[in-house]
């Protein structure tokens, strides 16, 4: 049997597939961040901004400075 050769194109296709997977992962992360920002805006309207959605305790200022869209404290975020 003669071996089948795919030439250089198989490598190009693999690179393109890996790049596409990376872009999909980034898009999912951005979608999740957008949902978090939308929730933070809802919390501002509700008057609950700065309070954890899970436990109800205040979210430390340091966390809100680093991630203003945080809806959970560090402890509760680690549980999800």
Protein backbone atom coordinates (compact mmCIF):
# COMPACT_ATOMS: atom_id res chain seq x y z
CA UNK A 1 0.00 0.00 0.00
CA UNK A 2 1.22 3.49 -0.80
CA UNK A 3 1.33 5.86 2.19
CA UNK A 4 -1.06 8.81 2.05
CA UNK A 5 0.58 12.19 2.37
CA UNK A 6 -1.25 15.31 3.47
CA UNK A 7 1.62 17.68 2.81
CA UNK A 8 1.88 20.99 4.62
CA UNK A 9 -1.86 21.70 4.56
CA UNK A 10 -2.61 19.41 7.49
CA UNK A 11 -0.37 21.56 9.73
CA UNK A 12 -2.03 24.75 8.53
CA UNK A 13 -5.45 23.28 9.29
CA UNK A 14 -4.39 22.23 12.77
CA UNK A 15 -3.03 25.70 13.53
CA UNK A 16 -6.25 27.27 12.29
CA UNK A 17 -8.35 24.89 14.40
CA UNK A 18 -6.32 25.65 17.54
CA UNK A 19 -6.63 29.39 16.89
CA UNK A 20 -10.39 29.04 16.45
CA UNK A 21 -10.69 27.13 19.73
CA UNK A 22 -8.75 29.88 21.51
CA UNK A 23 -11.07 32.54 20.07
CA UNK A 24 -14.15 30.58 21.16
CA UNK A 25 -12.73 30.34 24.69
CA UNK A 26 -12.07 34.08 24.76
CA UNK A 27 -15.59 34.79 23.51
CA UNK A 28 -17.06 32.65 26.30
CA UNK A 29 -15.00 34.52 28.89
CA UNK A 30 -16.17 37.87 27.50
CA UNK A 31 -19.81 36.69 27.52
CA UNK A 32 -19.46 35.67 31.17
CA UNK A 33 -17.89 39.02 32.05
CA UNK A 34 -20.70 40.87 30.26
CA UNK A 35 -23.26 38.91 32.28
CA UNK A 36 -21.39 39.88 35.47
CA UNK A 37 -21.36 43.56 34.46
CA UNK A 38 -25.10 43.40 33.70
CA UNK A 39 -25.70 41.87 37.15
CA UNK A 40 -23.63 44.61 38.80
CA UNK A 41 -25.73 47.24 37.04
CA UNK A 42 -28.92 45.50 38.24
CA UNK A 43 -27.51 45.52 41.78
CA UNK A 44 -26.89 49.28 41.51
CA UNK A 45 -30.53 49.78 40.51
CA UNK A 46 -31.72 47.49 43.34
CA UNK A 47 -29.53 49.20 45.92
CA UNK A 48 -27.70 45.94 46.67
CA UNK A 49 -24.37 46.73 44.99
CA UNK A 50 -21.48 45.79 47.23
CA UNK A 51 -23.34 42.92 48.92
CA UNK A 52 -22.67 39.28 48.04
CA UNK A 53 -25.49 37.60 46.09
CA UNK A 54 -24.86 34.32 47.92
CA UNK A 55 -24.18 35.10 51.58
CA UNK A 56 -25.39 38.70 51.79
CA UNK A 57 -22.21 39.99 53.44
CA UNK A 58 -20.47 43.13 52.23
CA UNK A 59 -17.94 42.60 49.45
CA UNK A 60 -14.62 44.18 50.52
CA UNK A 61 -13.73 47.47 48.82
CA UNK A 62 -10.46 45.98 47.60
CA UNK A 63 -12.36 43.35 45.61
CA UNK A 64 -14.76 45.90 44.16
CA UNK A 65 -11.83 48.12 43.18
CA UNK A 66 -10.17 45.21 41.38
CA UNK A 67 -13.41 43.79 39.92
CA UNK A 68 -16.24 46.32 40.10
CA UNK A 69 -18.61 43.80 38.50
CA UNK A 70 -18.24 41.33 41.39
CA UNK A 71 -21.58 40.04 42.65
CA UNK A 72 -20.06 37.62 45.17
CA UNK A 73 -17.41 37.86 47.85
CA UNK A 74 -14.15 35.96 47.41
CA UNK A 75 -15.25 33.07 49.65
CA UNK A 76 -18.53 32.52 47.80
CA UNK A 77 -16.88 32.91 44.39
CA UNK A 78 -14.50 30.11 45.29
CA UNK A 79 -17.47 27.78 45.91
CA UNK A 80 -18.80 28.10 42.35
